[in-house]
Amino acid sequence: MRVKSRSGLLFCAAFLLFLLSASAALAKPDWVTVKYTGCKLLTVKNTKVTDGNHKKLVLYFDVINNSKDGDIITAIYDRTIKYQGVFTITQMEWGTVYQGVLESKGWRPASWNISYSGKFTNPEKGEWYPGQVYKYDISVTLNKLIKPKENWKTTNEASSRGFNFKPEQLYFDFGVRSHK
């Protein structure tokens, strides 16, 4: 009985070593680089300006195949993204409320510290040869990132006048399948 438990323990240890080496092999190789290229604020179709999900922040990335050995990327999978930064609406209206009516005093920026993390398991399939760039974007609705100033209508309308997103931390990792 004791021999079986030791062989089981040995098998478990060997299996864990296999999983560790397999996970390292599945990680993003050094010859694939990721570059953050910017962001946009887009309007979501079939929503109203009073909805929290009326606007979405879209971050754009370039995934570049820099293989010198002729490796062809055939799939990108298990994408993990995390980011933190400052989201600013540049022209948020401010003033005093008199008898339920806002008497505008001018424009003032409004800022939020935002953070997001997500994991996406569905694979992106294709063929990216050395030197080719895969354009990847991630979109998140504003109601998952910020709380509105006053209400969503005011916040959404102000964000249409101008916004800025300054990323402080960006983390984007994934696995690739490739062949030569």
N, C-alpha and C. Protein backbone atom coordinates (compact mmCIF):
# COMPACT_ATOMS: atom_id res chain seq x y z
N MET A 1 0.82 -1.19 0.00
CA MET A 1 0.00 0.00 0.00
C MET A 1 0.87 1.25 0.00
N ARG A 2 1.94 1.22 0.78
CA ARG A 2 2.82 2.37 0.86
C ARG A 2 3.52 2.61 -0.48
N VAL A 3 3.84 1.60 -1.21
CA VAL A 3 4.49 1.74 -2.51
C VAL A 3 3.57 2.44 -3.49
N LYS A 4 2.28 2.13 -3.45
CA LYS A 4 1.32 2.77 -4.35
C LYS A 4 1.22 4.26 -4.05
N SER A 5 1.19 4.62 -2.78
CA SER A 5 1.06 6.04 -2.45
C SER A 5 2.31 6.82 -2.87
N ARG A 6 3.48 6.20 -2.76
CA ARG A 6 4.70 6.89 -3.20
C ARG A 6 4.73 7.01 -4.71
N SER A 7 4.29 5.99 -5.42
CA SER A 7 4.27 6.10 -6.87
C SER A 7 3.23 7.14 -7.31
N GLY A 8 2.13 7.22 -6.57
CA GLY A 8 1.13 8.25 -6.87
C GLY A 8 1.68 9.64 -6.62
N LEU A 9 2.45 9.78 -5.55
CA LEU A 9 3.08 11.05 -5.24
C LEU A 9 4.11 11.42 -6.30
N LEU A 10 4.88 10.43 -6.74
CA LEU A 10 5.86 10.65 -7.79
C LEU A 10 5.16 11.05 -9.10
N PHE A 11 4.05 10.38 -9.40
CA PHE A 11 3.29 10.72 -10.60
C PHE A 11 2.76 12.15 -10.53
N CYS A 12 2.23 12.54 -9.38
CA CYS A 12 1.71 13.91 -9.21
C CYS A 12 2.82 14.95 -9.39
N ALA A 13 4.00 14.66 -8.83
CA ALA A 13 5.12 15.59 -8.97
C ALA A 13 5.54 15.71 -10.42
N ALA A 14 5.60 14.57 -11.13
CA ALA A 14 5.97 14.60 -12.55
C ALA A 14 4.93 15.35 -13.37
N PHE A 15 3.66 15.15 -13.04
CA PHE A 15 2.58 15.83 -13.75
C PHE A 15 2.65 17.34 -13.53
N LEU A 16 2.93 17.77 -12.30
CA LEU A 16 3.06 19.20 -12.02
C LEU A 16 4.23 19.81 -12.78
N LEU A 17 5.36 19.09 -12.86
CA LEU A 17 6.49 19.59 -13.64
C LEU A 17 6.12 19.71 -15.11
N PHE A 18 5.36 18.73 -15.61
CA PHE A 18 4.90 18.79 -17.01
C PHE A 18 4.02 20.01 -17.24
N LEU A 19 3.08 20.26 -16.31
CA LEU A 19 2.20 21.42 -16.46
C LEU A 19 2.98 22.73 -16.41
N LEU A 20 3.97 22.82 -15.53
CA LEU A 20 4.77 24.04 -15.46
C LEU A 20 5.54 24.28 -16.74
N SER A 21 6.13 23.23 -17.30
CA SER A 21 6.87 23.41 -18.55
C SER A 21 5.93 23.69 -19.71
N ALA A 22 4.74 23.08 -19.70
CA ALA A 22 3.78 23.31 -20.77
C ALA A 22 3.25 24.74 -20.71
N SER A 23 2.99 25.25 -19.52
CA SER A 23 2.48 26.62 -19.43
C SER A 23 3.54 27.62 -19.87
N ALA A 24 4.80 27.34 -19.62
CA ALA A 24 5.86 28.23 -20.10
C ALA A 24 5.94 28.19 -21.61
N ALA A 25 5.71 27.03 -22.20
CA ALA A 25 5.76 26.92 -23.66
C ALA A 25 4.56 27.61 -24.31
N LEU A 26 3.45 27.72 -23.59
CA LEU A 26 2.25 28.32 -24.15
C LEU A 26 2.22 29.84 -23.98
N ALA A 27 3.12 30.41 -23.23
CA ALA A 27 3.14 31.85 -23.02
C ALA A 27 3.60 32.56 -24.28
N LYS A 28 3.38 33.86 -24.30
CA LYS A 28 3.78 34.68 -25.45
C LYS A 28 5.29 34.59 -25.64
N PRO A 29 5.74 34.18 -26.83
CA PRO A 29 7.18 34.08 -27.07
C PRO A 29 7.83 35.46 -27.16
N ASP A 30 9.14 35.50 -27.01
CA ASP A 30 9.88 36.77 -27.03
C ASP A 30 9.82 37.46 -28.39
N TRP A 31 9.62 36.71 -29.46
CA TRP A 31 9.62 37.30 -30.79
C TRP A 31 8.27 37.94 -31.16
N VAL A 32 7.31 37.91 -30.25
CA VAL A 32 6.04 38.60 -30.46
C VAL A 32 6.04 39.82 -29.55
N THR A 33 5.82 41.00 -30.13
CA THR A 33 5.78 42.22 -29.32
C THR A 33 4.40 42.84 -29.38
N VAL A 34 4.06 43.55 -28.32
CA VAL A 34 2.76 44.22 -28.22
C VAL A 34 3.02 45.70 -28.02
N LYS A 35 2.27 46.52 -28.76
CA LYS A 35 2.43 47.97 -28.67
C LYS A 35 1.05 48.61 -28.51
N TYR A 36 0.90 49.45 -27.49
CA TYR A 36 -0.33 50.21 -27.28
C TYR A 36 -0.35 51.36 -28.27
N THR A 37 -1.44 51.49 -29.05
CA THR A 37 -1.46 52.50 -30.11
C THR A 37 -2.46 53.62 -29.87
N GLY A 38 -3.27 53.55 -28.82
CA GLY A 38 -4.19 54.65 -28.54
C GLY A 38 -5.56 54.16 -28.11
N CYS A 39 -6.49 55.11 -28.01
CA CYS A 39 -7.84 54.76 -27.57
C CYS A 39 -8.85 55.71 -28.20
N LYS A 40 -10.11 55.28 -28.18
CA LYS A 40 -11.23 56.08 -28.67
C LYS A 40 -12.40 55.88 -27.72
N LEU A 41 -13.32 56.82 -27.75
CA LEU A 41 -14.57 56.69 -27.02
C LEU A 41 -15.67 56.58 -28.07
N LEU A 42 -16.34 55.44 -28.12
CA LEU A 42 -17.36 55.19 -29.14
C LEU A 42 -18.74 55.10 -28.52
N THR A 43 -19.75 55.40 -29.34
CA THR A 43 -21.14 55.29 -28.92
C THR A 43 -21.65 53.89 -29.25
N VAL A 44 -22.32 53.27 -28.29
CA VAL A 44 -22.88 51.93 -28.48
C VAL A 44 -24.24 52.07 -29.16
N LYS A 45 -24.45 51.26 -30.21
CA LYS A 45 -25.72 51.31 -30.93
C LYS A 45 -26.87 50.84 -30.04
N ASN A 46 -28.06 51.32 -30.33
CA ASN A 46 -29.30 50.94 -29.65
C ASN A 46 -29.27 51.24 -28.15
N THR A 47 -28.60 52.32 -27.77
CA THR A 47 -28.63 52.78 -26.38
C THR A 47 -29.02 54.26 -26.38
N LYS A 48 -29.46 54.71 -25.22
CA LYS A 48 -29.85 56.12 -25.06
C LYS A 48 -28.74 56.86 -24.32
N VAL A 49 -28.74 58.17 -24.46
CA VAL A 49 -27.72 59.00 -23.81
C VAL A 49 -27.84 58.92 -22.29
N THR A 50 -28.98 58.49 -21.79
CA THR A 50 -29.17 58.37 -20.34
C THR A 50 -28.68 57.03 -19.79
N ASP A 51 -28.26 56.12 -20.67
CA ASP A 51 -27.80 54.80 -20.24
C ASP A 51 -26.33 54.84 -19.83
N GLY A 52 -25.98 54.03 -18.86
CA GLY A 52 -24.59 53.94 -18.42
C GLY A 52 -23.70 53.25 -19.43
N ASN A 53 -24.29 52.44 -20.30
CA ASN A 53 -23.49 51.74 -21.31
C ASN A 53 -23.58 52.41 -22.68
N HIS A 54 -23.91 53.71 -22.73
CA HIS A 54 -24.05 54.44 -23.99
C HIS A 54 -22.69 54.68 -24.66
N LYS A 55 -21.65 54.83 -23.87
CA LYS A 55 -20.30 55.06 -24.41
C LYS A 55 -19.39 53.92 -23.96
N LYS A 56 -18.40 53.60 -24.82
CA LYS A 56 -17.41 52.59 -24.44
C LYS A 56 -16.02 53.09 -24.79
N LEU A 57 -15.09 52.77 -23.91
CA LEU A 57 -13.68 53.11 -24.11
C LEU A 57 -13.02 51.94 -24.82
N VAL A 58 -12.41 52.22 -25.97
CA VAL A 58 -11.77 51.18 -26.78
C VAL A 58 -10.26 51.45 -26.79
N LEU A 59 -9.48 50.47 -26.35
CA LEU A 59 -8.02 50.55 -26.38
C LEU A 59 -7.52 49.70 -27.54
N TYR A 60 -6.55 50.23 -28.28
CA TYR A 60 -6.02 49.56 -29.46
C TYR A 60 -4.58 49.11 -29.22
N PHE A 61 -4.29 47.89 -29.68
CA PHE A 61 -2.96 47.30 -29.56
C PHE A 61 -2.53 46.74 -30.90
N ASP A 62 -1.23 46.76 -31.16
CA ASP A 62 -0.65 46.06 -32.30
C ASP A 62 0.13 44.87 -31.76
N VAL A 63 -0.19 43.68 -32.27
CA VAL A 63 0.56 42.47 -31.95
C VAL A 63 1.44 42.20 -33.17
N ILE A 64 2.76 42.27 -32.99
CA ILE A 64 3.70 42.23 -34.11
C ILE A 64 4.48 40.92 -34.08
N ASN A 65 4.49 40.23 -35.21
CA ASN A 65 5.28 39.01 -35.37
C ASN A 65 6.68 39.41 -35.81
N ASN A 66 7.64 39.33 -34.90
CA ASN A 66 9.03 39.70 -35.18
C ASN A 66 9.94 38.48 -35.32
N SER A 67 9.38 37.36 -35.74
CA SER A 67 10.16 36.13 -35.82
C SER A 67 11.25 36.24 -36.88
N LYS A 68 12.45 35.85 -36.51
CA LYS A 68 13.56 35.81 -37.46
C LYS A 68 13.73 34.41 -38.03
N ASP A 69 13.00 33.43 -37.47
CA ASP A 69 13.09 32.04 -37.92
C ASP A 69 11.94 31.65 -38.83
N GLY A 70 11.10 32.58 -39.23
CA GLY A 70 10.00 32.28 -40.14
C GLY A 70 8.77 31.69 -39.47
N ASP A 71 8.62 31.88 -38.15
CA ASP A 71 7.45 31.35 -37.45
C ASP A 71 6.20 32.11 -37.88
N ILE A 72 5.13 31.37 -38.13
CA ILE A 72 3.85 31.94 -38.54
C ILE A 72 2.88 31.75 -37.38
N ILE A 73 2.30 32.83 -36.90
CA ILE A 73 1.31 32.75 -35.82
C ILE A 73 -0.01 32.30 -36.44
N THR A 74 -0.61 31.23 -35.89
CA THR A 74 -1.89 30.74 -36.42
C THR A 74 -3.04 30.99 -35.45
N ALA A 75 -2.75 31.28 -34.19
CA ALA A 75 -3.82 31.58 -33.23
C ALA A 75 -3.25 32.37 -32.07
N ILE A 76 -4.09 33.27 -31.55
CA ILE A 76 -3.79 34.02 -30.34
C ILE A 76 -4.91 33.67 -29.36
N TYR A 77 -4.56 33.19 -28.17
CA TYR A 77 -5.59 32.72 -27.25
C TYR A 77 -5.22 33.08 -25.81
N ASP A 78 -6.18 32.83 -24.92
CA ASP A 78 -6.02 33.10 -23.49
C ASP A 78 -5.45 34.49 -23.23
N ARG A 79 -6.14 35.49 -23.78
CA ARG A 79 -5.68 36.87 -23.61
C ARG A 79 -6.05 37.37 -22.21
N THR A 80 -5.09 37.93 -21.55
CA THR A 80 -5.30 38.55 -20.24
C THR A 80 -4.89 40.00 -20.36
N ILE A 81 -5.80 40.89 -19.97
CA ILE A 81 -5.49 42.32 -20.05
C ILE A 81 -5.83 42.97 -18.71
N LYS A 82 -4.94 43.85 -18.29
CA LYS A 82 -5.16 44.64 -17.08
C LYS A 82 -4.64 46.04 -17.37
N TYR A 83 -5.40 47.03 -16.95
CA TYR A 83 -4.88 48.39 -17.09
C TYR A 83 -5.42 49.28 -15.99
N GLN A 84 -4.63 50.30 -15.69
CA GLN A 84 -5.00 51.34 -14.74
C GLN A 84 -4.59 52.66 -15.35
N GLY A 85 -5.36 53.69 -15.05
CA GLY A 85 -5.02 55.00 -15.58
C GLY A 85 -5.99 56.06 -15.11
N VAL A 86 -5.86 57.22 -15.70
CA VAL A 86 -6.71 58.35 -15.37
C VAL A 86 -7.56 58.68 -16.60
N PHE A 87 -8.88 58.63 -16.42
CA PHE A 87 -9.83 58.97 -17.47
C PHE A 87 -10.36 60.36 -17.15
N THR A 88 -10.23 61.29 -18.10
CA THR A 88 -10.63 62.68 -17.87
C THR A 88 -11.60 63.12 -18.95
N ILE A 89 -12.72 63.69 -18.52
CA ILE A 89 -13.61 64.38 -19.45
C ILE A 89 -13.20 65.84 -19.38
N THR A 90 -12.78 66.38 -20.51
CA THR A 90 -12.11 67.69 -20.50
C THR A 90 -13.05 68.86 -20.30
N GLN A 91 -14.31 68.73 -20.69
CA GLN A 91 -15.24 69.86 -20.57
C GLN A 91 -16.52 69.43 -19.87
N MET A 92 -16.44 69.21 -18.57
CA MET A 92 -17.62 68.88 -17.78
C MET A 92 -18.23 70.19 -17.29
N GLU A 93 -19.52 70.36 -17.53
CA GLU A 93 -20.20 71.59 -17.14
C GLU A 93 -20.32 71.66 -15.62
N TRP A 94 -20.13 72.84 -15.07
CA TRP A 94 -20.30 73.02 -13.64
C TRP A 94 -20.98 74.35 -13.38
N GLY A 95 -21.57 74.47 -12.24
CA GLY A 95 -22.24 75.71 -11.89
C GLY A 95 -23.10 75.50 -10.65
N THR A 96 -24.02 76.42 -10.43
CA THR A 96 -24.91 76.32 -9.28
C THR A 96 -26.31 76.00 -9.77
N VAL A 97 -27.05 75.29 -8.95
CA VAL A 97 -28.43 74.94 -9.28
C VAL A 97 -29.34 75.94 -8.58
N TYR A 98 -30.17 76.62 -9.38
CA TYR A 98 -31.11 77.59 -8.84
C TYR A 98 -32.50 77.18 -9.28
N GLN A 99 -33.37 76.82 -8.35
CA GLN A 99 -34.74 76.37 -8.60
C GLN A 99 -34.76 75.21 -9.60
N GLY A 100 -33.86 74.26 -9.39
CA GLY A 100 -33.84 73.06 -10.22
C GLY A 100 -33.19 73.23 -11.58
N VAL A 101 -32.67 74.43 -11.89
CA VAL A 101 -32.04 74.68 -13.18
C VAL A 101 -30.56 74.97 -12.94
N LEU A 102 -29.72 74.33 -13.73
CA LEU A 102 -28.28 74.55 -13.62
C LEU A 102 -27.93 75.85 -14.32
N GLU A 103 -27.39 76.77 -13.56
CA GLU A 103 -26.89 78.01 -14.14
C GLU A 103 -25.41 77.81 -14.40
N SER A 104 -25.08 77.66 -15.65
CA SER A 104 -23.72 77.29 -16.02
C SER A 104 -22.73 78.39 -15.69
N LYS A 105 -21.62 77.98 -15.11
CA LYS A 105 -20.54 78.90 -14.80
C LYS A 105 -19.36 78.67 -15.74
N GLY A 106 -19.38 77.58 -16.47
CA GLY A 106 -18.28 77.29 -17.38
C GLY A 106 -17.99 75.81 -17.45
N TRP A 107 -16.77 75.52 -17.90
CA TRP A 107 -16.34 74.13 -18.07
C TRP A 107 -15.18 73.84 -17.13
N ARG A 108 -15.19 72.64 -16.63
CA ARG A 108 -14.12 72.18 -15.75
C ARG A 108 -13.88 70.70 -16.05
N PRO A 109 -12.63 70.25 -16.05
CA PRO A 109 -12.40 68.83 -16.29
C PRO A 109 -12.82 67.98 -15.10
N ALA A 110 -13.23 66.77 -15.39
CA ALA A 110 -13.57 65.79 -14.35
C ALA A 110 -12.72 64.55 -14.60
N SER A 111 -12.08 64.04 -13.54
CA SER A 111 -11.17 62.90 -13.70
C SER A 111 -11.57 61.75 -12.78
N TRP A 112 -11.29 60.54 -13.25
CA TRP A 112 -11.51 59.32 -12.48
C TRP A 112 -10.26 58.46 -12.60
N ASN A 113 -9.89 57.80 -11.51
CA ASN A 113 -8.88 56.75 -11.57
C ASN A 113 -9.62 55.47 -11.92
N ILE A 114 -9.22 54.84 -13.02
CA ILE A 114 -9.94 53.65 -13.46
C ILE A 114 -8.99 52.46 -13.49
N SER A 115 -9.58 51.27 -13.37
CA SER A 115 -8.82 50.04 -13.54
C SER A 115 -9.75 48.98 -14.11
N TYR A 116 -9.18 48.08 -14.88
CA TYR A 116 -9.95 47.01 -15.51
C TYR A 116 -9.05 45.80 -15.67
N SER A 117 -9.63 44.64 -15.51
CA SER A 117 -8.92 43.40 -15.84
C SER A 117 -9.91 42.43 -16.43
N GLY A 118 -9.46 41.69 -17.42
CA GLY A 118 -10.32 40.71 -18.07
C GLY A 118 -9.51 39.59 -18.67
N LYS A 119 -10.16 38.43 -18.81
CA LYS A 119 -9.52 37.27 -19.43
C LYS A 119 -10.46 36.77 -20.52
N PHE A 120 -9.91 36.56 -21.69
CA PHE A 120 -10.70 36.14 -22.86
C PHE A 120 -10.10 34.85 -23.39
N THR A 121 -10.91 33.80 -23.47
CA THR A 121 -10.39 32.48 -23.82
C THR A 121 -10.67 32.09 -25.26
N ASN A 122 -11.60 32.75 -25.93
CA ASN A 122 -11.87 32.37 -27.32
C ASN A 122 -10.69 32.75 -28.20
N PRO A 123 -10.21 31.82 -29.04
CA PRO A 123 -9.01 32.10 -29.83
C PRO A 123 -9.29 33.02 -31.02
N GLU A 124 -8.31 33.84 -31.34
CA GLU A 124 -8.32 34.65 -32.56
C GLU A 124 -7.50 33.88 -33.57
N LYS A 125 -8.15 33.36 -34.62
CA LYS A 125 -7.44 32.52 -35.59
C LYS A 125 -7.11 33.31 -36.84
N GLY A 126 -6.01 32.95 -37.45
CA GLY A 126 -5.56 33.60 -38.68
C GLY A 126 -4.13 33.18 -38.96
N GLU A 127 -3.50 33.86 -39.88
CA GLU A 127 -2.09 33.61 -40.16
C GLU A 127 -1.38 34.95 -40.23
N TRP A 128 -0.42 35.14 -39.33
CA TRP A 128 0.37 36.36 -39.29
C TRP A 128 1.82 35.97 -39.52
N TYR A 129 2.33 36.36 -40.66
CA TYR A 129 3.69 36.03 -41.06
C TYR A 129 4.67 37.00 -40.42
N PRO A 130 5.97 36.66 -40.43
CA PRO A 130 6.96 37.59 -39.86
C PRO A 130 6.85 38.98 -40.48
N GLY A 131 6.81 39.98 -39.62
CA GLY A 131 6.68 41.36 -40.06
C GLY A 131 5.24 41.85 -40.09
N GLN A 132 4.28 40.93 -40.04
CA GLN A 132 2.88 41.36 -40.09
C GLN A 132 2.40 41.78 -38.71
N VAL A 133 1.38 42.64 -38.72
CA VAL A 133 0.83 43.21 -37.50
C VAL A 133 -0.63 42.79 -37.39
N TYR A 134 -1.02 42.32 -36.22
CA TYR A 134 -2.42 42.01 -35.92
C TYR A 134 -2.96 43.15 -35.08
N LYS A 135 -4.03 43.76 -35.54
CA LYS A 135 -4.65 44.87 -34.81
C LYS A 135 -5.66 44.29 -33.82
N TYR A 136 -5.46 44.56 -32.54
CA TYR A 136 -6.34 44.04 -31.50
C TYR A 136 -6.91 45.21 -30.72
N ASP A 137 -8.19 45.11 -30.38
CA ASP A 137 -8.80 46.15 -29.55
C ASP A 137 -9.61 45.50 -28.45
N ILE A 138 -9.71 46.22 -27.34
CA ILE A 138 -10.52 45.80 -26.20
C ILE A 138 -11.43 46.95 -25.84
N SER A 139 -12.73 46.67 -25.70
CA SER A 139 -13.68 47.74 -25.39
C SER A 139 -14.41 47.43 -24.08
N VAL A 140 -14.61 48.48 -23.28
CA VAL A 140 -15.29 48.37 -22.00
C VAL A 140 -16.23 49.57 -21.89
N THR A 141 -17.49 49.31 -21.52
CA THR A 141 -18.45 50.41 -21.38
C THR A 141 -18.08 51.27 -20.17
N LEU A 142 -18.45 52.54 -20.26
CA LEU A 142 -18.07 53.49 -19.20
C LEU A 142 -18.66 53.12 -17.84
N ASN A 143 -19.86 52.51 -17.83
CA ASN A 143 -20.46 52.20 -16.52
C ASN A 143 -19.66 51.14 -15.76
N LYS A 144 -18.75 50.41 -16.43
CA LYS A 144 -17.89 49.46 -15.74
C LYS A 144 -16.60 50.12 -15.25
N LEU A 145 -16.36 51.36 -15.68
CA LEU A 145 -15.11 52.05 -15.34
C LEU A 145 -15.30 53.22 -14.38
N ILE A 146 -16.39 53.98 -14.55
CA ILE A 146 -16.55 55.21 -13.76
C ILE A 146 -17.95 55.30 -13.18
N LYS A 147 -18.10 56.20 -12.22
CA LYS A 147 -19.42 56.58 -11.71
C LYS A 147 -19.73 57.95 -12.30
N PRO A 148 -20.98 58.18 -12.68
CA PRO A 148 -21.28 59.45 -13.36
C PRO A 148 -21.22 60.65 -12.42
N LYS A 149 -20.89 61.80 -13.00
CA LYS A 149 -21.03 63.06 -12.28
C LYS A 149 -22.47 63.50 -12.52
N GLU A 150 -23.22 63.71 -11.47
CA GLU A 150 -24.64 64.04 -11.52
C GLU A 150 -25.44 62.87 -12.05
N ASN A 151 -25.44 62.66 -13.38
CA ASN A 151 -26.19 61.55 -13.98
C ASN A 151 -25.49 61.13 -15.27
N TRP A 152 -25.97 60.03 -15.87
CA TRP A 152 -25.32 59.51 -17.07
C TRP A 152 -25.52 60.41 -18.27
N LYS A 153 -26.65 61.10 -18.34
CA LYS A 153 -26.87 61.99 -19.49
C LYS A 153 -25.82 63.09 -19.51
N THR A 154 -25.60 63.74 -18.39
CA THR A 154 -24.60 64.80 -18.30
C THR A 154 -23.20 64.27 -18.61
N THR A 155 -22.87 63.11 -18.06
CA THR A 155 -21.55 62.53 -18.26
C THR A 155 -21.33 62.13 -19.71
N ASN A 156 -22.32 61.47 -20.32
CA ASN A 156 -22.19 61.03 -21.72
C ASN A 156 -22.10 62.22 -22.67
N GLU A 157 -22.91 63.25 -22.44
CA GLU A 157 -22.85 64.43 -23.31
C GLU A 157 -21.51 65.15 -23.16
N ALA A 158 -21.01 65.24 -21.94
CA ALA A 158 -19.72 65.90 -21.72
C ALA A 158 -18.58 65.10 -22.34
N SER A 159 -18.67 63.78 -22.30
CA SER A 159 -17.60 62.96 -22.89
C SER A 159 -17.55 63.11 -24.40
N SER A 160 -18.67 63.47 -25.01
CA SER A 160 -18.68 63.72 -26.46
C SER A 160 -17.92 64.98 -26.82
N ARG A 161 -17.81 65.92 -25.88
CA ARG A 161 -17.07 67.17 -26.14
C ARG A 161 -15.56 66.97 -26.06
N GLY A 162 -15.12 65.94 -25.38
CA GLY A 162 -13.69 65.69 -25.31
C GLY A 162 -13.32 64.85 -24.10
N PHE A 163 -12.36 63.96 -24.29
CA PHE A 163 -11.90 63.11 -23.20
C PHE A 163 -10.41 62.84 -23.38
N ASN A 164 -9.81 62.30 -22.34
CA ASN A 164 -8.41 61.92 -22.37
C ASN A 164 -8.25 60.69 -21.49
N PHE A 165 -7.48 59.72 -21.95
CA PHE A 165 -7.14 58.56 -21.13
C PHE A 165 -5.64 58.45 -21.07
N LYS A 166 -5.10 58.52 -19.87
CA LYS A 166 -3.65 58.41 -19.66
C LYS A 166 -3.38 57.10 -18.92
N PRO A 167 -2.91 56.07 -19.65
CA PRO A 167 -2.63 54.80 -18.97
C PRO A 167 -1.39 54.90 -18.09
N GLU A 168 -1.52 54.40 -16.87
CA GLU A 168 -0.38 54.36 -15.96
C GLU A 168 0.24 52.97 -15.92
N GLN A 169 -0.60 51.94 -16.06
CA GLN A 169 -0.12 50.57 -16.13
C GLN A 169 -0.90 49.84 -17.21
N LEU A 170 -0.20 49.14 -18.08
CA LEU A 170 -0.82 48.31 -19.10
C LEU A 170 -0.18 46.93 -19.04
N TYR A 171 -1.01 45.90 -19.00
CA TYR A 171 -0.52 44.53 -19.00
C TYR A 171 -1.37 43.76 -20.00
N PHE A 172 -0.73 43.17 -20.99
CA PHE A 172 -1.44 42.40 -22.01
C PHE A 172 -0.62 41.16 -22.30
N ASP A 173 -1.14 40.00 -21.96
CA ASP A 173 -0.42 38.76 -22.18
C ASP A 173 -1.35 37.76 -22.85
N PHE A 174 -0.77 36.82 -23.56
CA PHE A 174 -1.56 35.83 -24.30
C PHE A 174 -0.65 34.69 -24.71
N GLY A 175 -1.27 33.64 -25.19
CA GLY A 175 -0.53 32.52 -25.75
C GLY A 175 -0.69 32.53 -27.25
N VAL A 176 0.27 31.96 -27.96
CA VAL A 176 0.18 31.86 -29.41
C VAL A 176 0.43 30.42 -29.84
N ARG A 177 -0.18 30.07 -30.95
CA ARG A 177 0.12 28.82 -31.62
C ARG A 177 0.81 29.20 -32.91
N SER A 178 1.90 28.52 -33.22
CA SER A 178 2.65 28.90 -34.42
C SER A 178 3.26 27.67 -35.07
N HIS A 179 3.68 27.85 -36.30
CA HIS A 179 4.43 26.82 -37.03
C HIS A 179 5.36 27.52 -38.00
N LYS A 180 6.26 26.77 -38.58
CA LYS A 180 7.22 27.37 -39.53
C LYS A 180 6.79 27.10 -40.93
